[in-house]
Amino acid sequence: LPLAWVHSGAPRLFTAPWQDVAAQALGQGV
């Protein structure tokens, strides 16, 4: 996480549309 944060900024999970995050959470995690 720290290396990625320095290289490309904060995770896109915090800025991406919630619909995209929800769909990926359902598909990837569940």
PDB file of all heavy atoms in Angstrom:
ATOM      1  N   LEU A   1       0.805  -1.227   0.000  1.00  0.00           N
ATOM      2  CA  LEU A   1       0.000   0.000   0.000  1.00  0.00           C
ATOM      3  C   LEU A   1       0.839   1.279   0.000  1.00  0.00           C
ATOM      4  O   LEU A   1       0.584   2.176  -0.818  1.00  0.00           O
ATOM      5  CB  LEU A   1      -0.966  -0.018   1.189  1.00  0.00           C
ATOM      6  CG  LEU A   1      -1.902   1.185   1.313  1.00  0.00           C
ATOM      7  CD1 LEU A   1      -2.779   1.324   0.071  1.00  0.00           C
ATOM      8  CD2 LEU A   1      -2.773   1.062   2.571  1.00  0.00           C
ATOM      9  N   PRO A   2       1.849   1.439   0.893  1.00  0.00           N
ATOM     10  CA  PRO A   2       2.633   2.687   0.858  1.00  0.00           C
ATOM     11  C   PRO A   2       3.344   2.901  -0.469  1.00  0.00           C
ATOM     12  O   PRO A   2       3.400   4.031  -0.983  1.00  0.00           O
ATOM     13  CB  PRO A   2       3.632   2.506   2.013  1.00  0.00           C
ATOM     14  CG  PRO A   2       3.020   1.471   2.894  1.00  0.00           C
ATOM     15  CD  PRO A   2       2.273   0.554   1.983  1.00  0.00           C
ATOM     16  N   LEU A   3       3.903   1.826  -1.051  1.00  0.00           N
ATOM     17  CA  LEU A   3       4.601   1.958  -2.329  1.00  0.00           C
ATOM     18  C   LEU A   3       3.639   2.380  -3.427  1.00  0.00           C
ATOM     19  O   LEU A   3       3.951   3.256  -4.254  1.00  0.00           O
ATOM     20  CB  LEU A   3       5.268   0.630  -2.692  1.00  0.00           C
ATOM     21  CG  LEU A   3       6.328   0.109  -1.721  1.00  0.00           C
ATOM     22  CD1 LEU A   3       6.817  -1.266  -2.161  1.00  0.00           C
ATOM     23  CD2 LEU A   3       7.493   1.084  -1.633  1.00  0.00           C
ATOM     24  N   ALA A   4       2.459   1.757  -3.456  1.00  0.00           N
ATOM     25  CA  ALA A   4       1.466   2.109  -4.465  1.00  0.00           C
ATOM     26  C   ALA A   4       0.967   3.529  -4.269  1.00  0.00           C
ATOM     27  O   ALA A   4       0.711   4.251  -5.245  1.00  0.00           O
ATOM     28  CB  ALA A   4       0.302   1.117  -4.404  1.00  0.00           C
ATOM     29  N   TRP A   5       0.823   3.953  -3.018  1.00  0.00           N
ATOM     30  CA  TRP A   5       0.332   5.302  -2.730  1.00  0.00           C
ATOM     31  C   TRP A   5       1.324   6.345  -3.249  1.00  0.00           C
ATOM     32  O   TRP A   5       0.934   7.354  -3.845  1.00  0.00           O
ATOM     33  CB  TRP A   5       0.130   5.463  -1.226  1.00  0.00           C
ATOM     34  CG  TRP A   5      -0.815   6.572  -0.854  1.00  0.00           C
ATOM     35  CD1 TRP A   5      -0.724   7.882  -1.204  1.00  0.00           C
ATOM     36  CD2 TRP A   5      -2.010   6.446  -0.083  1.00  0.00           C
ATOM     37  NE1 TRP A   5      -1.772   8.589  -0.689  1.00  0.00           N
ATOM     38  CE2 TRP A   5      -2.576   7.732   0.007  1.00  0.00           C
ATOM     39  CE3 TRP A   5      -2.648   5.390   0.563  1.00  0.00           C
ATOM     40  CZ2 TRP A   5      -3.751   7.984   0.712  1.00  0.00           C
ATOM     41  CZ3 TRP A   5      -3.805   5.634   1.258  1.00  0.00           C
ATOM     42  CH2 TRP A   5      -4.348   6.912   1.331  1.00  0.00           C
ATOM     43  N   VAL A   6       2.639   6.101  -3.014  1.00  0.00           N
ATOM     44  CA  VAL A   6       3.657   7.038  -3.488  1.00  0.00           C
ATOM     45  C   VAL A   6       3.691   7.060  -5.013  1.00  0.00           C
ATOM     46  O   VAL A   6       3.844   8.118  -5.632  1.00  0.00           O
ATOM     47  CB  VAL A   6       5.038   6.650  -2.922  1.00  0.00           C
ATOM     48  CG1 VAL A   6       6.146   7.461  -3.594  1.00  0.00           C
ATOM     49  CG2 VAL A   6       5.064   6.850  -1.420  1.00  0.00           C
ATOM     50  N   HIS A   7       3.526   5.908  -5.622  1.00  0.00           N
ATOM     51  CA  HIS A   7       3.661   5.810  -7.079  1.00  0.00           C
ATOM     52  C   HIS A   7       2.450   6.368  -7.821  1.00  0.00           C
ATOM     53  O   HIS A   7       2.595   7.096  -8.810  1.00  0.00           O
ATOM     54  CB  HIS A   7       3.887   4.353  -7.476  1.00  0.00           C
ATOM     55  CG  HIS A   7       4.091   4.161  -8.939  1.00  0.00           C
ATOM     56  ND1 HIS A   7       3.062   3.823  -9.799  1.00  0.00           N
ATOM     57  CD2 HIS A   7       5.195   4.272  -9.716  1.00  0.00           C
ATOM     58  CE1 HIS A   7       3.527   3.731 -11.029  1.00  0.00           C
ATOM     59  NE2 HIS A   7       4.816   3.978 -11.008  1.00  0.00           N
ATOM     60  N   SER A   8       1.242   6.028  -7.352  1.00  0.00           N
ATOM     61  CA  SER A   8       0.055   6.406  -8.114  1.00  0.00           C
ATOM     62  C   SER A   8      -1.031   7.082  -7.288  1.00  0.00           C
ATOM     63  O   SER A   8      -2.151   7.239  -7.768  1.00  0.00           O
ATOM     64  CB  SER A   8      -0.533   5.155  -8.794  1.00  0.00           C
ATOM     65  OG  SER A   8      -0.794   4.143  -7.856  1.00  0.00           O
ATOM     66  N   GLY A   9      -0.723   7.460  -6.069  1.00  0.00           N
ATOM     67  CA  GLY A   9      -1.705   8.166  -5.253  1.00  0.00           C
ATOM     68  C   GLY A   9      -2.596   7.217  -4.471  1.00  0.00           C
ATOM     69  O   GLY A   9      -2.366   6.012  -4.407  1.00  0.00           O
ATOM     70  N   ALA A  10      -3.613   7.801  -3.878  1.00  0.00           N
ATOM     71  CA  ALA A  10      -4.531   7.034  -3.041  1.00  0.00           C
ATOM     72  C   ALA A  10      -5.246   5.974  -3.856  1.00  0.00           C
ATOM     73  O   ALA A  10      -5.445   6.128  -5.068  1.00  0.00           O
ATOM     74  CB  ALA A  10      -5.553   7.968  -2.395  1.00  0.00           C
ATOM     75  N   PRO A  11      -5.631   4.867  -3.227  1.00  0.00           N
ATOM     76  CA  PRO A  11      -6.389   3.833  -3.949  1.00  0.00           C
ATOM     77  C   PRO A  11      -7.633   4.409  -4.604  1.00  0.00           C
ATOM     78  O   PRO A  11      -8.300   5.276  -4.050  1.00  0.00           O
ATOM     79  CB  PRO A  11      -6.749   2.828  -2.841  1.00  0.00           C
ATOM     80  CG  PRO A  11      -5.697   3.016  -1.800  1.00  0.00           C
ATOM     81  CD  PRO A  11      -5.360   4.478  -1.829  1.00  0.00           C
ATOM     82  N   ARG A  12      -7.935   3.924  -5.788  1.00  0.00           N
ATOM     83  CA  ARG A  12      -9.089   4.439  -6.519  1.00  0.00           C
ATOM     84  C   ARG A  12     -10.413   4.011  -5.895  1.00  0.00           C
ATOM     85  O   ARG A  12     -11.474   4.492  -6.294  1.00  0.00           O
ATOM     86  CB  ARG A  12      -9.030   3.956  -7.969  1.00  0.00           C
ATOM     87  CG  ARG A  12      -7.776   4.397  -8.709  1.00  0.00           C
ATOM     88  CD  ARG A  12      -7.794   3.873 -10.140  1.00  0.00           C
ATOM     89  NE  ARG A  12      -6.475   3.921 -10.735  1.00  0.00           N
ATOM     90  CZ  ARG A  12      -6.181   3.420 -11.930  1.00  0.00           C
ATOM     91  NH1 ARG A  12      -7.127   2.814 -12.635  1.00  0.00           N
ATOM     92  NH2 ARG A  12      -4.956   3.489 -12.398  1.00  0.00           N
ATOM     93  N   LEU A  13     -10.344   3.085  -4.948  1.00  0.00           N
ATOM     94  CA  LEU A  13     -11.571   2.691  -4.253  1.00  0.00           C
ATOM     95  C   LEU A  13     -12.245   3.883  -3.595  1.00  0.00           C
ATOM     96  O   LEU A  13     -13.463   3.899  -3.410  1.00  0.00           O
ATOM     97  CB  LEU A  13     -11.256   1.637  -3.178  1.00  0.00           C
ATOM     98  CG  LEU A  13     -10.903   0.236  -3.668  1.00  0.00           C
ATOM     99  CD1 LEU A  13     -10.431  -0.628  -2.511  1.00  0.00           C
ATOM    100  CD2 LEU A  13     -12.095  -0.407  -4.360  1.00  0.00           C
ATOM    101  N   PHE A  14     -11.438   4.903  -3.235  1.00  0.00           N
ATOM    102  CA  PHE A  14     -11.981   6.073  -2.559  1.00  0.00           C
ATOM    103  C   PHE A  14     -12.577   7.102  -3.521  1.00  0.00           C
ATOM    104  O   PHE A  14     -13.305   7.992  -3.108  1.00  0.00           O
ATOM    105  CB  PHE A  14     -10.892   6.749  -1.711  1.00  0.00           C
ATOM    106  CG  PHE A  14     -10.302   5.849  -0.672  1.00  0.00           C
ATOM    107  CD1 PHE A  14      -8.926   5.760  -0.518  1.00  0.00           C
ATOM    108  CD2 PHE A  14     -11.109   5.064   0.137  1.00  0.00           C
ATOM    109  CE1 PHE A  14      -8.377   4.925   0.443  1.00  0.00           C
ATOM    110  CE2 PHE A  14     -10.575   4.228   1.104  1.00  0.00           C
ATOM    111  CZ  PHE A  14      -9.200   4.161   1.257  1.00  0.00           C
ATOM    112  N   THR A  15     -12.241   6.995  -4.800  1.00  0.00           N
ATOM    113  CA  THR A  15     -12.694   8.000  -5.758  1.00  0.00           C
ATOM    114  C   THR A  15     -13.560   7.434  -6.875  1.00  0.00           C
ATOM    115  O   THR A  15     -14.231   8.192  -7.578  1.00  0.00           O
ATOM    116  CB  THR A  15     -11.479   8.705  -6.392  1.00  0.00           C
ATOM    117  OG1 THR A  15     -10.627   7.732  -7.014  1.00  0.00           O
ATOM    118  CG2 THR A  15     -10.676   9.465  -5.330  1.00  0.00           C
ATOM    119  N   ALA A  16     -13.542   6.132  -7.070  1.00  0.00           N
ATOM    120  CA  ALA A  16     -14.323   5.520  -8.149  1.00  0.00           C
ATOM    121  C   ALA A  16     -15.815   5.603  -7.842  1.00  0.00           C
ATOM    122  O   ALA A  16     -16.222   5.679  -6.677  1.00  0.00           O
ATOM    123  CB  ALA A  16     -13.911   4.060  -8.327  1.00  0.00           C
ATOM    124  N   PRO A  17     -16.665   5.593  -8.869  1.00  0.00           N
ATOM    125  CA  PRO A  17     -18.118   5.571  -8.642  1.00  0.00           C
ATOM    126  C   PRO A  17     -18.507   4.388  -7.767  1.00  0.00           C
ATOM    127  O   PRO A  17     -17.990   3.276  -7.942  1.00  0.00           O
ATOM    128  CB  PRO A  17     -18.697   5.441 -10.062  1.00  0.00           C
ATOM    129  CG  PRO A  17     -17.635   5.987 -10.959  1.00  0.00           C
ATOM    130  CD  PRO A  17     -16.326   5.635 -10.313  1.00  0.00           C
ATOM    131  N   TRP A  18     -19.422   4.626  -6.841  1.00  0.00           N
ATOM    132  CA  TRP A  18     -19.781   3.573  -5.901  1.00  0.00           C
ATOM    133  C   TRP A  18     -20.369   2.356  -6.608  1.00  0.00           C
ATOM    134  O   TRP A  18     -20.228   1.233  -6.137  1.00  0.00           O
ATOM    135  CB  TRP A  18     -20.760   4.106  -4.853  1.00  0.00           C
ATOM    136  CG  TRP A  18     -22.156   4.384  -5.377  1.00  0.00           C
ATOM    137  CD1 TRP A  18     -22.647   5.556  -5.841  1.00  0.00           C
ATOM    138  CD2 TRP A  18     -23.224   3.423  -5.481  1.00  0.00           C
ATOM    139  NE1 TRP A  18     -23.955   5.412  -6.241  1.00  0.00           N
ATOM    140  CE2 TRP A  18     -24.334   4.124  -6.024  1.00  0.00           C
ATOM    141  CE3 TRP A  18     -23.355   2.079  -5.174  1.00  0.00           C
ATOM    142  CZ2 TRP A  18     -25.559   3.485  -6.273  1.00  0.00           C
ATOM    143  CZ3 TRP A  18     -24.558   1.445  -5.422  1.00  0.00           C
ATOM    144  CH2 TRP A  18     -25.655   2.149  -5.958  1.00  0.00           C
ATOM    145  N   GLN A  19     -21.012   2.589  -7.770  1.00  0.00           N
ATOM    146  CA  GLN A  19     -21.578   1.454  -8.501  1.00  0.00           C
ATOM    147  C   GLN A  19     -20.478   0.494  -8.954  1.00  0.00           C
ATOM    148  O   GLN A  19     -20.648  -0.727  -8.892  1.00  0.00           O
ATOM    149  CB  GLN A  19     -22.368   1.936  -9.720  1.00  0.00           C
ATOM    150  CG  GLN A  19     -23.578   2.794  -9.384  1.00  0.00           C
ATOM    151  CD  GLN A  19     -23.249   4.273  -9.405  1.00  0.00           C
ATOM    152  OE1 GLN A  19     -22.108   4.666  -9.163  1.00  0.00           O
ATOM    153  NE2 GLN A  19     -24.239   5.082  -9.708  1.00  0.00           N
ATOM    154  N   ASP A  20     -19.336   1.050  -9.426  1.00  0.00           N
ATOM    155  CA  ASP A  20     -18.229   0.206  -9.852  1.00  0.00           C
ATOM    156  C   ASP A  20     -17.643  -0.565  -8.676  1.00  0.00           C
ATOM    157  O   ASP A  20     -17.341  -1.756  -8.781  1.00  0.00           O
ATOM    158  CB  ASP A  20     -17.139   1.054 -10.507  1.00  0.00           C
ATOM    159  CG  ASP A  20     -17.557   1.583 -11.876  1.00  0.00           C
ATOM    160  OD1 ASP A  20     -18.650   1.209 -12.345  1.00  0.00           O
ATOM    161  OD2 ASP A  20     -16.796   2.369 -12.455  1.00  0.00           O
ATOM    162  N   VAL A  21     -17.475   0.122  -7.558  1.00  0.00           N
ATOM    163  CA  VAL A  21     -16.906  -0.520  -6.368  1.00  0.00           C
ATOM    164  C   VAL A  21     -17.837  -1.631  -5.869  1.00  0.00           C
ATOM    165  O   VAL A  21     -17.394  -2.733  -5.525  1.00  0.00           O
ATOM    166  CB  VAL A  21     -16.644   0.511  -5.260  1.00  0.00           C
ATOM    167  CG1 VAL A  21     -16.145  -0.178  -3.993  1.00  0.00           C
ATOM    168  CG2 VAL A  21     -15.642   1.561  -5.718  1.00  0.00           C
ATOM    169  N   ALA A  22     -19.133  -1.340  -5.840  1.00  0.00           N
ATOM    170  CA  ALA A  22     -20.095  -2.336  -5.355  1.00  0.00           C
ATOM    171  C   ALA A  22     -20.122  -3.562  -6.261  1.00  0.00           C
ATOM    172  O   ALA A  22     -20.164  -4.703  -5.779  1.00  0.00           O
ATOM    173  CB  ALA A  22     -21.486  -1.712  -5.259  1.00  0.00           C
ATOM    174  N   ALA A  23     -20.099  -3.327  -7.578  1.00  0.00           N
ATOM    175  CA  ALA A  23     -20.122  -4.449  -8.517  1.00  0.00           C
ATOM    176  C   ALA A  23     -18.879  -5.320  -8.367  1.00  0.00           C
ATOM    177  O   ALA A  23     -18.959  -6.558  -8.363  1.00  0.00           O
ATOM    178  CB  ALA A  23     -20.240  -3.930  -9.947  1.00  0.00           C
ATOM    179  N   GLN A  24     -17.726  -4.680  -8.214  1.00  0.00           N
ATOM    180  CA  GLN A  24     -16.491  -5.443  -8.066  1.00  0.00           C
ATOM    181  C   GLN A  24     -16.422  -6.136  -6.707  1.00  0.00           C
ATOM    182  O   GLN A  24     -15.898  -7.253  -6.597  1.00  0.00           O
ATOM    183  CB  GLN A  24     -15.275  -4.533  -8.257  1.00  0.00           C
ATOM    184  CG  GLN A  24     -15.101  -4.004  -9.668  1.00  0.00           C
ATOM    185  CD  GLN A  24     -14.787  -5.093 -10.669  1.00  0.00           C
ATOM    186  OE1 GLN A  24     -14.289  -6.156 -10.316  1.00  0.00           O
ATOM    187  NE2 GLN A  24     -15.071  -4.837 -11.942  1.00  0.00           N
ATOM    188  N   ALA A  25     -16.944  -5.495  -5.670  1.00  0.00           N
ATOM    189  CA  ALA A  25     -16.969  -6.138  -4.352  1.00  0.00           C
ATOM    190  C   ALA A  25     -17.818  -7.399  -4.397  1.00  0.00           C
ATOM    191  O   ALA A  25     -17.443  -8.446  -3.843  1.00  0.00           O
ATOM    192  CB  ALA A  25     -17.507  -5.172  -3.302  1.00  0.00           C
ATOM    193  N   LEU A  26     -18.954  -7.312  -5.077  1.00  0.00           N
ATOM    194  CA  LEU A  26     -19.822  -8.478  -5.203  1.00  0.00           C
ATOM    195  C   LEU A  26     -19.156  -9.562  -6.042  1.00  0.00           C
ATOM    196  O   LEU A  26     -19.134 -10.745  -5.665  1.00  0.00           O
ATOM    197  CB  LEU A  26     -21.151  -8.069  -5.835  1.00  0.00           C
ATOM    198  CG  LEU A  26     -22.148  -9.208  -6.127  1.00  0.00           C
ATOM    199  CD1 LEU A  26     -22.582  -9.876  -4.839  1.00  0.00           C
ATOM    200  CD2 LEU A  26     -23.359  -8.676  -6.892  1.00  0.00           C
ATOM    201  N   GLY A  27     -18.598  -9.155  -7.195  1.00  0.00           N
ATOM    202  CA  GLY A  27     -18.021 -10.143  -8.099  1.00  0.00           C
ATOM    203  C   GLY A  27     -16.710 -10.718  -7.608  1.00  0.00           C
ATOM    204  O   GLY A  27     -16.504 -11.942  -7.624  1.00  0.00           O
ATOM    205  N   GLN A  28     -15.797  -9.849  -7.155  1.00  0.00           N
ATOM    206  CA  GLN A  28     -14.477 -10.310  -6.737  1.00  0.00           C
ATOM    207  C   GLN A  28     -14.525 -11.004  -5.377  1.00  0.00           C
ATOM    208  O   GLN A  28     -14.006 -12.106  -5.203  1.00  0.00           O
ATOM    209  CB  GLN A  28     -13.507  -9.116  -6.660  1.00  0.00           C
ATOM    210  CG  GLN A  28     -13.277  -8.388  -7.953  1.00  0.00           C
ATOM    211  CD  GLN A  28     -12.386  -9.150  -8.906  1.00  0.00           C
ATOM    212  OE1 GLN A  28     -11.649 -10.050  -8.518  1.00  0.00           O
ATOM    213  NE2 GLN A  28     -12.452  -8.804 -10.180  1.00  0.00           N
ATOM    214  N   GLY A  29     -15.146 -10.339  -4.401  1.00  0.00           N
ATOM    215  CA  GLY A  29     -15.089 -10.844  -3.038  1.00  0.00           C
ATOM    216  C   GLY A  29     -16.101 -11.922  -2.726  1.00  0.00           C
ATOM    217  O   GLY A  29     -15.769 -12.938  -2.105  1.00  0.00           O
ATOM    218  N   VAL A  30     -17.347 -11.709  -3.147  1.00  0.00           N
ATOM    219  CA  VAL A  30     -18.420 -12.629  -2.755  1.00  0.00           C
ATOM    220  C   VAL A  30     -18.551 -13.775  -3.754  1.00  0.00           C
ATOM    221  O   VAL A  30     -18.462 -14.956  -3.392  1.00  0.00           O
ATOM    222  CB  VAL A  30     -19.758 -11.869  -2.619  1.00  0.00           C
ATOM    223  CG1 VAL A  30     -20.876 -12.838  -2.244  1.00  0.00           C
ATOM    224  CG2 VAL A  30     -19.642 -10.776  -1.569  1.00  0.00           C
TER     225      VAL A  30
END
